[in-house]
Amino acid sequence: MRLPHKVKLVEVGARDGLQNETQPVATADKIALIHRLQSAGLREIEVTSFVSPKWVPQMADNAQVMAGIERRPDVRYSVLTPNFQGFEAALVCRPDEIVVFGAASEAFSRKNINCSIAESLERFAPVVRAALDAGLTVRGAMSCTVGCPYEGDIAPQRVAYLAGLMKDIGVQHVGVADTIGVGTPRKVQAAIEAALKHYAVDDISGHFHDTYGQALANTLASLEMGIWQFDTSVAGLGGCPYAKGATGNVATEDVVYMLHGMGVETGIDLDKLVDAGVYISQVLGRTTQSRVARAILAKRAS
């Protein structure tokens, strides 16, 4: 089995991980988390979302977080921009990359943003053009690529359809996301194969949730296909409001431990990463959801 010798992890804990937290997280704590993450070696960090605070109160301090981080020249800072208004607000804060999104499920798209898949991408077209004109890179998050809380299984053809729409409006990179964590390795590989109809392997990443404990298996299945970029979330931050009991994003610590054990480089210091996870978990008043972190902490205490 040939695997990539190096993997790039996009840390989404500060945005995707925290956005569903009901308790407010102080701006200073968000900034401190980002600093700890980049100190641990993360070079791709999704910082915040420029969305209406009415819908996502946790991200109301987006501009303050962007202004407060000490930027490193070797780190790319990305933000989610759900519409042109959000993009204009984000542009003032000088992100390196913006993230737009679309669902492979028509039902999911209509229930969550009240429009079809095609209509959602039409709305993003001017955002993508403006971002590219401003010299930013554009990443597309493709949600519900293997399963939907409303439709059930998603056919790979729907993933190919969404990927094609994203390619048409100029999105440079797409993430194949198992949003509710129901995917298994073969289903994930089929979704990736569908995305490969429109994007090169170097322009596709994996984004897996661990609801059924399949995230690491799905990561390995993606690696077998040559995928070398993945979204992960420190301490396993983040849940899915559409899947009761979902544990959310795969923990960065768990993925790093697996990759290092297979001789795959990440550039990440696992001990510093664990400490970052402990920090934000304490802020939230709970223990880390990373099994690897818990094991390392127990070993430190023994």
C-alpha atoms as a PDB file:
ATOM      1  CA  MET A   1       0.000   0.000   0.000  1.00  0.00           C
ATOM      2  CA  ARG A   2       1.555   3.278  -1.115  1.00  0.00           C
ATOM      3  CA  LEU A   3       0.709   6.228   1.084  1.00  0.00           C
ATOM      4  CA  PRO A   4       1.572   9.908   0.759  1.00  0.00           C
ATOM      5  CA  HIS A   5       4.839  10.600   2.580  1.00  0.00           C
ATOM      6  CA  LYS A   6       3.475  13.864   3.942  1.00  0.00           C
ATOM      7  CA  VAL A   7       0.006  15.044   4.923  1.00  0.00           C
ATOM      8  CA  LYS A   8      -1.370  18.555   5.379  1.00  0.00           C
ATOM      9  CA  LEU A   9      -3.961  19.013   8.107  1.00  0.00           C
ATOM     10  CA  VAL A  10      -6.363  21.948   8.071  1.00  0.00           C
ATOM     11  CA  GLU A  11      -7.245  22.729  11.671  1.00  0.00           C
ATOM     12  CA  VAL A  12     -10.945  23.640  11.884  1.00  0.00           C
ATOM     13  CA  GLY A  13     -11.430  23.581  15.654  1.00  0.00           C
ATOM     14  CA  ALA A  14     -11.485  27.341  16.131  1.00  0.00           C
ATOM     15  CA  ARG A  15     -14.320  27.733  13.611  1.00  0.00           C
ATOM     16  CA  ASP A  16     -16.181  24.529  12.833  1.00  0.00           C
ATOM     17  CA  GLY A  17     -15.379  23.140  16.256  1.00  0.00           C
ATOM     18  CA  LEU A  18     -16.521  26.078  18.346  1.00  0.00           C
ATOM     19  CA  GLN A  19     -19.434  27.391  16.313  1.00  0.00           C
ATOM     20  CA  ASN A  20     -21.971  24.977  17.797  1.00  0.00           C
ATOM     21  CA  GLU A  21     -20.897  25.570  21.402  1.00  0.00           C
ATOM     22  CA  THR A  22     -23.800  27.124  23.290  1.00  0.00           C
ATOM     23  CA  GLN A  23     -21.650  28.706  25.982  1.00  0.00           C
ATOM     24  CA  PRO A  24     -19.806  31.844  24.840  1.00  0.00           C
ATOM     25  CA  VAL A  25     -16.065  31.410  24.363  1.00  0.00           C
ATOM     26  CA  ALA A  26     -14.085  34.566  25.076  1.00  0.00           C
ATOM     27  CA  THR A  27     -12.263  36.190  22.189  1.00  0.00           C
ATOM     28  CA  ALA A  28      -9.009  35.976  24.130  1.00  0.00           C
ATOM     29  CA  ASP A  29      -9.435  32.215  24.527  1.00  0.00           C
ATOM     30  CA  LYS A  30     -10.045  31.761  20.803  1.00  0.00           C
ATOM     31  CA  ILE A  31      -6.919  33.750  20.013  1.00  0.00           C
ATOM     32  CA  ALA A  32      -4.907  31.807  22.583  1.00  0.00           C
ATOM     33  CA  LEU A  33      -6.097  28.535  21.031  1.00  0.00           C
ATOM     34  CA  ILE A  34      -4.983  29.635  17.574  1.00  0.00           C
ATOM     35  CA  HIS A  35      -1.583  30.656  18.927  1.00  0.00           C
ATOM     36  CA  ARG A  36      -1.173  27.268  20.597  1.00  0.00           C
ATOM     37  CA  LEU A  37      -2.168  25.478  17.419  1.00  0.00           C
ATOM     38  CA  GLN A  38       0.324  27.296  15.241  1.00  0.00           C
ATOM     39  CA  SER A  39       2.989  26.797  17.888  1.00  0.00           C
ATOM     40  CA  ALA A  40       2.278  23.051  17.647  1.00  0.00           C
ATOM     41  CA  GLY A  41       2.999  23.138  13.924  1.00  0.00           C
ATOM     42  CA  LEU A  42      -0.415  23.639  12.318  1.00  0.00           C
ATOM     43  CA  ARG A  43       0.093  25.629   9.135  1.00  0.00           C
ATOM     44  CA  GLU A  44      -3.514  25.737   7.897  1.00  0.00           C
ATOM     45  CA  ILE A  45      -6.006  27.180  10.382  1.00  0.00           C
ATOM     46  CA  GLU A  46      -9.673  27.940   9.808  1.00  0.00           C
ATOM     47  CA  VAL A  47     -10.091  30.872  12.141  1.00  0.00           C
ATOM     48  CA  THR A  48     -13.705  32.048  12.107  1.00  0.00           C
ATOM     49  CA  SER A  49     -16.877  32.595  10.113  1.00  0.00           C
ATOM     50  CA  PHE A  50     -18.264  35.877   8.822  1.00  0.00           C
ATOM     51  CA  VAL A  51     -21.894  34.986   9.312  1.00  0.00           C
ATOM     52  CA  SER A  52     -24.704  36.927  10.950  1.00  0.00           C
ATOM     53  CA  PRO A  53     -24.401  36.781  14.759  1.00  0.00           C
ATOM     54  CA  LYS A  54     -28.156  36.207  14.774  1.00  0.00           C
ATOM     55  CA  TRP A  55     -27.562  32.726  13.349  1.00  0.00           C
ATOM     56  CA  VAL A  56     -24.151  31.905  14.844  1.00  0.00           C
ATOM     57  CA  PRO A  57     -23.602  34.001  17.998  1.00  0.00           C
ATOM     58  CA  GLN A  58     -20.313  32.230  18.740  1.00  0.00           C
ATOM     59  CA  MET A  59     -18.723  33.847  15.664  1.00  0.00           C
ATOM     60  CA  ALA A  60     -19.876  37.406  16.448  1.00  0.00           C
ATOM     61  CA  ASP A  61     -16.305  38.365  17.378  1.00  0.00           C
ATOM     62  CA  ASN A  62     -14.881  37.321  13.996  1.00  0.00           C
ATOM     63  CA  ALA A  63     -13.166  40.654  13.261  1.00  0.00           C
ATOM     64  CA  GLN A  64     -11.712  40.844  16.774  1.00  0.00           C
ATOM     65  CA  VAL A  65     -10.272  37.347  16.529  1.00  0.00           C
ATOM     66  CA  MET A  66      -8.723  38.076  13.142  1.00  0.00           C
ATOM     67  CA  ALA A  67      -7.237  41.321  14.447  1.00  0.00           C
ATOM     68  CA  GLY A  68      -5.899  39.714  17.615  1.00  0.00           C
ATOM     69  CA  ILE A  69      -3.950  36.772  16.236  1.00  0.00           C
ATOM     70  CA  GLU A  70      -0.203  37.101  15.802  1.00  0.00           C
ATOM     71  CA  ARG A  71       0.188  36.014  12.230  1.00  0.00           C
ATOM     72  CA  ARG A  72       3.007  33.842  11.039  1.00  0.00           C
ATOM     73  CA  PRO A  73       4.173  34.069   7.435  1.00  0.00           C
ATOM     74  CA  ASP A  74       4.165  30.272   7.122  1.00  0.00           C
ATOM     75  CA  VAL A  75       0.546  29.871   8.259  1.00  0.00           C
ATOM     76  CA  ARG A  76      -2.521  30.249   6.044  1.00  0.00           C
ATOM     77  CA  TYR A  77      -5.545  31.693   7.822  1.00  0.00           C
ATOM     78  CA  SER A  78      -8.934  30.927   6.317  1.00  0.00           C
ATOM     79  CA  VAL A  79     -12.476  32.091   7.064  1.00  0.00           C
ATOM     80  CA  LEU A  80     -15.937  30.885   6.086  1.00  0.00           C
ATOM     81  CA  THR A  81     -17.958  33.414   4.089  1.00  0.00           C
ATOM     82  CA  PRO A  82     -21.621  32.407   3.604  1.00  0.00           C
ATOM     83  CA  ASN A  83     -22.536  35.326   1.331  1.00  0.00           C
ATOM     84  CA  PHE A  84     -21.162  38.452  -0.344  1.00  0.00           C
ATOM     85  CA  GLN A  85     -21.842  40.597   2.704  1.00  0.00           C
ATOM     86  CA  GLY A  86     -19.808  38.201   4.794  1.00  0.00           C
ATOM     87  CA  PHE A  87     -17.042  38.217   2.207  1.00  0.00           C
ATOM     88  CA  GLU A  88     -16.826  42.019   2.228  1.00  0.00           C
ATOM     89  CA  ALA A  89     -16.558  42.011   6.026  1.00  0.00           C
ATOM     90  CA  ALA A  90     -13.920  39.290   5.895  1.00  0.00           C
ATOM     91  CA  LEU A  91     -11.854  41.060   3.262  1.00  0.00           C
ATOM     92  CA  VAL A  92     -11.171  43.927   5.655  1.00  0.00           C
ATOM     93  CA  CYS A  93      -9.528  41.409   8.000  1.00  0.00           C
ATOM     94  CA  ARG A  94      -7.128  40.125   5.330  1.00  0.00           C
ATOM     95  CA  PRO A  95      -7.670  36.360   5.328  1.00  0.00           C
ATOM     96  CA  ASP A  96      -5.456  34.211   3.120  1.00  0.00           C
ATOM     97  CA  GLU A  97      -8.298  31.971   2.010  1.00  0.00           C
ATOM     98  CA  ILE A  98     -12.082  31.930   2.036  1.00  0.00           C
ATOM     99  CA  VAL A  99     -14.313  28.900   2.336  1.00  0.00           C
ATOM    100  CA  VAL A 100     -17.654  28.545   0.578  1.00  0.00           C
ATOM    101  CA  PHE A 101     -19.973  25.591   0.892  1.00  0.00           C
ATOM    102  CA  GLY A 102     -22.604  23.458  -0.768  1.00  0.00           C
ATOM    103  CA  ALA A 103     -24.451  20.234  -0.037  1.00  0.00           C
ATOM    104  CA  ALA A 104     -24.633  17.087  -2.141  1.00  0.00           C
ATOM    105  CA  SER A 105     -28.171  16.630  -0.799  1.00  0.00           C
ATOM    106  CA  GLU A 106     -31.021  18.695  -2.232  1.00  0.00           C
ATOM    107  CA  ALA A 107     -33.066  18.217   0.939  1.00  0.00           C
ATOM    108  CA  PHE A 108     -30.208  19.363   3.151  1.00  0.00           C
ATOM    109  CA  SER A 109     -29.637  22.431   0.966  1.00  0.00           C
ATOM    110  CA  ARG A 110     -33.294  23.432   0.962  1.00  0.00           C
ATOM    111  CA  LYS A 111     -33.861  22.861   4.679  1.00  0.00           C
ATOM    112  CA  ASN A 112     -30.729  24.735   5.757  1.00  0.00           C
ATOM    113  CA  ILE A 113     -30.313  27.593   3.286  1.00  0.00           C
ATOM    114  CA  ASN A 114     -33.722  27.491   1.589  1.00  0.00           C
ATOM    115  CA  CYS A 115     -32.501  26.970  -1.951  1.00  0.00           C
ATOM    116  CA  SER A 116     -31.450  24.229  -4.335  1.00  0.00           C
ATOM    117  CA  ILE A 117     -27.867  23.071  -4.752  1.00  0.00           C
ATOM    118  CA  ALA A 118     -27.571  24.914  -8.055  1.00  0.00           C
ATOM    119  CA  GLU A 119     -29.033  28.103  -6.593  1.00  0.00           C
ATOM    120  CA  SER A 120     -26.629  27.980  -3.663  1.00  0.00           C
ATOM    121  CA  LEU A 121     -23.636  27.842  -5.987  1.00  0.00           C
ATOM    122  CA  GLU A 122     -25.038  30.677  -8.107  1.00  0.00           C
ATOM    123  CA  ARG A 123     -25.116  32.802  -4.955  1.00  0.00           C
ATOM    124  CA  PHE A 124     -21.479  31.994  -4.298  1.00  0.00           C
ATOM    125  CA  ALA A 125     -20.267  32.759  -7.828  1.00  0.00           C
ATOM    126  CA  PRO A 126     -19.715  36.517  -7.232  1.00  0.00           C
ATOM    127  CA  VAL A 127     -18.036  35.765  -3.902  1.00  0.00           C
ATOM    128  CA  VAL A 128     -15.585  33.394  -5.569  1.00  0.00           C
ATOM    129  CA  ARG A 129     -14.837  35.850  -8.383  1.00  0.00           C
ATOM    130  CA  ALA A 130     -14.219  38.682  -5.936  1.00  0.00           C
ATOM    131  CA  ALA A 131     -11.977  36.516  -3.770  1.00  0.00           C
ATOM    132  CA  LEU A 132      -9.874  35.388  -6.721  1.00  0.00           C
ATOM    133  CA  ASP A 133      -9.617  38.977  -7.953  1.00  0.00           C
ATOM    134  CA  ALA A 134      -8.358  39.937  -4.481  1.00  0.00           C
ATOM    135  CA  GLY A 135      -5.630  37.286  -4.684  1.00  0.00           C
ATOM    136  CA  LEU A 136      -7.190  34.930  -2.154  1.00  0.00           C
ATOM    137  CA  THR A 137      -7.470  31.191  -2.545  1.00  0.00           C
ATOM    138  CA  VAL A 138     -10.945  29.625  -2.483  1.00  0.00           C
ATOM    139  CA  ARG A 139     -11.830  26.314  -0.890  1.00  0.00           C
ATOM    140  CA  GLY A 140     -15.208  24.632  -1.202  1.00  0.00           C
ATOM    141  CA  ALA A 141     -16.734  22.512   1.546  1.00  0.00           C
ATOM    142  CA  MET A 142     -18.989  19.794   0.112  1.00  0.00           C
ATOM    143  CA  SER A 143     -21.291  18.575   2.882  1.00  0.00           C
ATOM    144  CA  CYS A 144     -23.358  15.383   3.106  1.00  0.00           C
ATOM    145  CA  THR A 145     -21.306  13.571   0.470  1.00  0.00           C
ATOM    146  CA  VAL A 146     -22.109  10.081   1.773  1.00  0.00           C
ATOM    147  CA  GLY A 147     -25.175  10.549   3.954  1.00  0.00           C
ATOM    148  CA  CYS A 148     -27.870  13.085   4.765  1.00  0.00           C
ATOM    149  CA  PRO A 149     -30.118  13.343   7.843  1.00  0.00           C
ATOM    150  CA  TYR A 150     -33.106  13.834   5.526  1.00  0.00           C
ATOM    151  CA  GLU A 151     -32.354  11.746   2.418  1.00  0.00           C
ATOM    152  CA  GLY A 152     -30.240   8.932   3.819  1.00  0.00           C
ATOM    153  CA  ASP A 153     -27.500   7.599   1.527  1.00  0.00           C
ATOM    154  CA  ILE A 154     -26.167  10.022  -1.084  1.00  0.00           C
ATOM    155  CA  ALA A 155     -25.299   8.675  -4.532  1.00  0.00           C
ATOM    156  CA  PRO A 156     -21.783   9.468  -5.811  1.00  0.00           C
ATOM    157  CA  GLN A 157     -23.396  11.119  -8.849  1.00  0.00           C
ATOM    158  CA  ARG A 158     -24.695  13.859  -6.536  1.00  0.00           C
ATOM    159  CA  VAL A 159     -21.152  14.477  -5.328  1.00  0.00           C
ATOM    160  CA  ALA A 160     -19.908  14.713  -8.910  1.00  0.00           C
ATOM    161  CA  TYR A 161     -22.726  17.146  -9.702  1.00  0.00           C
ATOM    162  CA  LEU A 162     -21.798  19.404  -6.777  1.00  0.00           C
ATOM    163  CA  ALA A 163     -18.078  19.216  -7.558  1.00  0.00           C
ATOM    164  CA  GLY A 164     -18.806  20.200 -11.143  1.00  0.00           C
ATOM    165  CA  LEU A 165     -20.803  23.228 -10.032  1.00  0.00           C
ATOM    166  CA  MET A 166     -17.978  24.303  -7.740  1.00  0.00           C
ATOM    167  CA  LYS A 167     -15.439  23.892 -10.516  1.00  0.00           C
ATOM    168  CA  ASP A 168     -17.601  25.978 -12.846  1.00  0.00           C
ATOM    169  CA  ILE A 169     -17.651  28.995 -10.506  1.00  0.00           C
ATOM    170  CA  GLY A 170     -13.895  28.874  -9.902  1.00  0.00           C
ATOM    171  CA  VAL A 171     -13.519  27.050  -6.575  1.00  0.00           C
ATOM    172  CA  GLN A 172      -9.911  25.831  -6.478  1.00  0.00           C
ATOM    173  CA  HIS A 173     -10.094  23.043  -3.909  1.00  0.00           C
ATOM    174  CA  VAL A 174     -12.943  20.930  -2.538  1.00  0.00           C
ATOM    175  CA  GLY A 175     -13.372  19.039   0.695  1.00  0.00           C
ATOM    176  CA  VAL A 176     -15.361  15.801   0.663  1.00  0.00           C
ATOM    177  CA  ALA A 177     -17.235  15.920   3.966  1.00  0.00           C
ATOM    178  CA  ASP A 178     -19.054  13.163   5.811  1.00  0.00           C
ATOM    179  CA  THR A 179     -21.089  15.739   7.704  1.00  0.00           C
ATOM    180  CA  ILE A 180     -23.067  13.393   9.943  1.00  0.00           C
ATOM    181  CA  GLY A 181     -20.392  10.729  10.306  1.00  0.00           C
ATOM    182  CA  VAL A 182     -22.258   7.816   8.743  1.00  0.00           C
ATOM    183  CA  GLY A 183     -19.661   7.046   6.081  1.00  0.00           C
ATOM    184  CA  THR A 184     -17.632   3.862   5.824  1.00  0.00           C
ATOM    185  CA  PRO A 185     -14.405   3.442   3.813  1.00  0.00           C
ATOM    186  CA  ARG A 186     -15.884   2.185   0.529  1.00  0.00           C
ATOM    187  CA  LYS A 187     -18.621   4.822   0.542  1.00  0.00           C
ATOM    188  CA  VAL A 188     -16.069   7.533   1.210  1.00  0.00           C
ATOM    189  CA  GLN A 189     -13.854   6.261  -1.592  1.00  0.00           C
ATOM    190  CA  ALA A 190     -16.837   6.350  -3.959  1.00  0.00           C
ATOM    191  CA  ALA A 191     -17.504   9.976  -2.993  1.00  0.00           C
ATOM    192  CA  ILE A 192     -13.859  10.865  -3.592  1.00  0.00           C
ATOM    193  CA  GLU A 193     -13.898   9.084  -6.951  1.00  0.00           C
ATOM    194  CA  ALA A 194     -16.872  11.255  -7.887  1.00  0.00           C
ATOM    195  CA  ALA A 195     -15.010  14.427  -6.909  1.00  0.00           C
ATOM    196  CA  LEU A 196     -12.013  13.254  -8.953  1.00  0.00           C
ATOM    197  CA  LYS A 197     -14.134  13.625 -12.075  1.00  0.00           C
ATOM    198  CA  HIS A 198     -13.693  17.386 -11.720  1.00  0.00           C
ATOM    199  CA  TYR A 199     -10.690  17.939  -9.433  1.00  0.00           C
ATOM    200  CA  ALA A 200      -7.149  16.595  -9.325  1.00  0.00           C
ATOM    201  CA  VAL A 201      -6.136  14.505  -6.343  1.00  0.00           C
ATOM    202  CA  ASP A 202      -4.021  17.404  -5.044  1.00  0.00           C
ATOM    203  CA  ASP A 203      -7.121  19.613  -4.956  1.00  0.00           C
ATOM    204  CA  ILE A 204      -9.304  17.347  -2.817  1.00  0.00           C
ATOM    205  CA  SER A 205      -9.353  16.928   0.947  1.00  0.00           C
ATOM    206  CA  GLY A 206     -11.276  14.778   3.399  1.00  0.00           C
ATOM    207  CA  HIS A 207     -13.461  16.023   6.242  1.00  0.00           C
ATOM    208  CA  PHE A 208     -14.729  13.222   8.469  1.00  0.00           C
ATOM    209  CA  HIS A 209     -16.917  13.097  11.555  1.00  0.00           C
ATOM    210  CA  ASP A 210     -16.590  10.305  14.084  1.00  0.00           C
ATOM    211  CA  THR A 211     -20.248   9.660  14.949  1.00  0.00           C
ATOM    212  CA  TYR A 212     -19.927   5.913  14.332  1.00  0.00           C
ATOM    213  CA  GLY A 213     -16.199   5.676  15.018  1.00  0.00           C
ATOM    214  CA  GLN A 214     -15.284   5.514  11.337  1.00  0.00           C
ATOM    215  CA  ALA A 215     -13.295   8.732  10.894  1.00  0.00           C
ATOM    216  CA  LEU A 216      -9.814   7.206  11.138  1.00  0.00           C
ATOM    217  CA  ALA A 217     -10.792   4.305   8.885  1.00  0.00           C
ATOM    218  CA  ASN A 218     -12.179   6.786   6.369  1.00  0.00           C
ATOM    219  CA  THR A 219      -8.984   8.822   6.595  1.00  0.00           C
ATOM    220  CA  LEU A 220      -6.904   5.722   5.852  1.00  0.00           C
ATOM    221  CA  ALA A 221      -9.182   4.797   2.945  1.00  0.00           C
ATOM    222  CA  SER A 222      -8.644   8.280   1.521  1.00  0.00           C
ATOM    223  CA  LEU A 223      -4.893   8.028   1.972  1.00  0.00           C
ATOM    224  CA  GLU A 224      -4.958   4.827  -0.076  1.00  0.00           C
ATOM    225  CA  MET A 225      -6.392   6.896  -2.942  1.00  0.00           C
ATOM    226  CA  GLY A 226      -3.604   9.466  -2.700  1.00  0.00           C
ATOM    227  CA  ILE A 227      -5.539  12.093  -0.753  1.00  0.00           C
ATOM    228  CA  TRP A 228      -3.056  13.957   1.438  1.00  0.00           C
ATOM    229  CA  GLN A 229      -5.078  16.849   2.874  1.00  0.00           C
ATOM    230  CA  PHE A 230      -7.613  16.556   5.687  1.00  0.00           C
ATOM    231  CA  ASP A 231      -9.700  18.771   7.964  1.00  0.00           C
ATOM    232  CA  THR A 232      -9.355  17.910  11.639  1.00  0.00           C
ATOM    233  CA  SER A 233     -10.400  19.523  14.902  1.00  0.00           C
ATOM    234  CA  VAL A 234      -8.286  19.750  18.043  1.00  0.00           C
ATOM    235  CA  ALA A 235      -9.747  17.809  20.981  1.00  0.00           C
ATOM    236  CA  GLY A 236     -12.487  16.554  18.656  1.00  0.00           C
ATOM    237  CA  LEU A 237     -14.300  19.885  18.978  1.00  0.00           C
ATOM    238  CA  GLY A 238     -17.589  20.239  17.181  1.00  0.00           C
ATOM    239  CA  GLY A 239     -20.822  18.373  16.965  1.00  0.00           C
ATOM    240  CA  CYS A 240     -23.404  17.917  14.277  1.00  0.00           C
ATOM    241  CA  PRO A 241     -26.875  19.296  15.098  1.00  0.00           C
ATOM    242  CA  TYR A 242     -28.379  16.852  12.598  1.00  0.00           C
ATOM    243  CA  ALA A 243     -27.072  13.656  14.207  1.00  0.00           C
ATOM    244  CA  LYS A 244     -28.074  13.019  17.807  1.00  0.00           C
ATOM    245  CA  GLY A 245     -25.074  11.993  19.869  1.00  0.00           C
ATOM    246  CA  ALA A 246     -22.581  12.844  17.131  1.00  0.00           C
ATOM    247  CA  THR A 247     -19.089  13.354  18.456  1.00  0.00           C
ATOM    248  CA  GLY A 248     -18.275  15.830  15.725  1.00  0.00           C
ATOM    249  CA  ASN A 249     -15.060  16.272  13.826  1.00  0.00           C
ATOM    250  CA  VAL A 250     -12.271  13.744  14.036  1.00  0.00           C
ATOM    251  CA  ALA A 251      -9.717  14.838  16.635  1.00  0.00           C
ATOM    252  CA  THR A 252      -6.503  16.271  15.224  1.00  0.00           C
ATOM    253  CA  GLU A 253      -4.534  14.419  17.901  1.00  0.00           C
ATOM    254  CA  ASP A 254      -5.961  11.053  16.841  1.00  0.00           C
ATOM    255  CA  VAL A 255      -5.152  11.651  13.172  1.00  0.00           C
ATOM    256  CA  VAL A 256      -1.620  12.875  13.930  1.00  0.00           C
ATOM    257  CA  TYR A 257      -0.908   9.829  16.123  1.00  0.00           C
ATOM    258  CA  MET A 258      -2.096   7.482  13.386  1.00  0.00           C
ATOM    259  CA  LEU A 259      -0.119   9.242  10.660  1.00  0.00           C
ATOM    260  CA  HIS A 260       3.095   9.400  12.680  1.00  0.00           C
ATOM    261  CA  GLY A 261       2.695   5.719  13.487  1.00  0.00           C
ATOM    262  CA  MET A 262       2.619   4.978   9.758  1.00  0.00           C
ATOM    263  CA  GLY A 263       5.694   7.098   9.079  1.00  0.00           C
ATOM    264  CA  VAL A 264       3.713   9.897   7.428  1.00  0.00           C
ATOM    265  CA  GLU A 265       5.019  13.400   8.126  1.00  0.00           C
ATOM    266  CA  THR A 266       2.726  16.149   9.406  1.00  0.00           C
ATOM    267  CA  GLY A 267       5.124  18.734  10.808  1.00  0.00           C
ATOM    268  CA  ILE A 268       3.071  18.733  14.018  1.00  0.00           C
ATOM    269  CA  ASP A 269       4.368  18.350  17.574  1.00  0.00           C
ATOM    270  CA  LEU A 270       1.900  15.912  19.144  1.00  0.00           C
ATOM    271  CA  ASP A 271       2.678  16.896  22.733  1.00  0.00           C
ATOM    272  CA  LYS A 272       2.091  20.591  22.033  1.00  0.00           C
ATOM    273  CA  LEU A 273      -1.075  19.678  20.151  1.00  0.00           C
ATOM    274  CA  VAL A 274      -2.362  17.712  23.143  1.00  0.00           C
ATOM    275  CA  ASP A 275      -1.673  20.721  25.358  1.00  0.00           C
ATOM    276  CA  ALA A 276      -3.670  22.944  22.997  1.00  0.00           C
ATOM    277  CA  GLY A 277      -6.559  20.502  23.213  1.00  0.00           C
ATOM    278  CA  VAL A 278      -6.384  20.403  26.981  1.00  0.00           C
ATOM    279  CA  TYR A 279      -6.418  24.195  27.077  1.00  0.00           C
ATOM    280  CA  ILE A 280      -9.599  24.643  25.053  1.00  0.00           C
ATOM    281  CA  SER A 281     -11.276  21.672  26.753  1.00  0.00           C
ATOM    282  CA  GLN A 282     -10.684  23.302  30.139  1.00  0.00           C
ATOM    283  CA  VAL A 283     -12.102  26.562  28.794  1.00  0.00           C
ATOM    284  CA  LEU A 284     -15.229  24.633  27.833  1.00  0.00           C
ATOM    285  CA  GLY A 285     -15.320  22.838  31.186  1.00  0.00           C
ATOM    286  CA  ARG A 286     -14.910  19.302  29.913  1.00  0.00           C
ATOM    287  CA  THR A 287     -12.310  16.717  28.995  1.00  0.00           C
ATOM    288  CA  THR A 288     -10.907  16.303  25.521  1.00  0.00           C
ATOM    289  CA  GLN A 289     -12.766  13.979  23.149  1.00  0.00           C
ATOM    290  CA  SER A 290      -9.481  12.763  21.668  1.00  0.00           C
ATOM    291  CA  ARG A 291      -8.734   9.192  22.717  1.00  0.00           C
ATOM    292  CA  VAL A 292      -5.050   9.690  21.947  1.00  0.00           C
ATOM    293  CA  ALA A 293      -4.886  12.814  24.094  1.00  0.00           C
ATOM    294  CA  ARG A 294      -6.542  11.050  27.002  1.00  0.00           C
ATOM    295  CA  ALA A 295      -4.055   8.189  26.744  1.00  0.00           C
ATOM    296  CA  ILE A 296      -1.085  10.573  26.615  1.00  0.00           C
ATOM    297  CA  LEU A 297      -2.404  12.544  29.580  1.00  0.00           C
ATOM    298  CA  ALA A 298      -2.857   9.328  31.580  1.00  0.00           C
ATOM    299  CA  LYS A 299       0.699   8.291  30.756  1.00  0.00           C
ATOM    300  CA  ARG A 300       2.007  11.684  31.841  1.00  0.00           C
ATOM    301  CA  ALA A 301       0.178  11.341  35.149  1.00  0.00           C
ATOM    302  CA  SER A 302       1.461   7.822  35.871  1.00  0.00           C
END
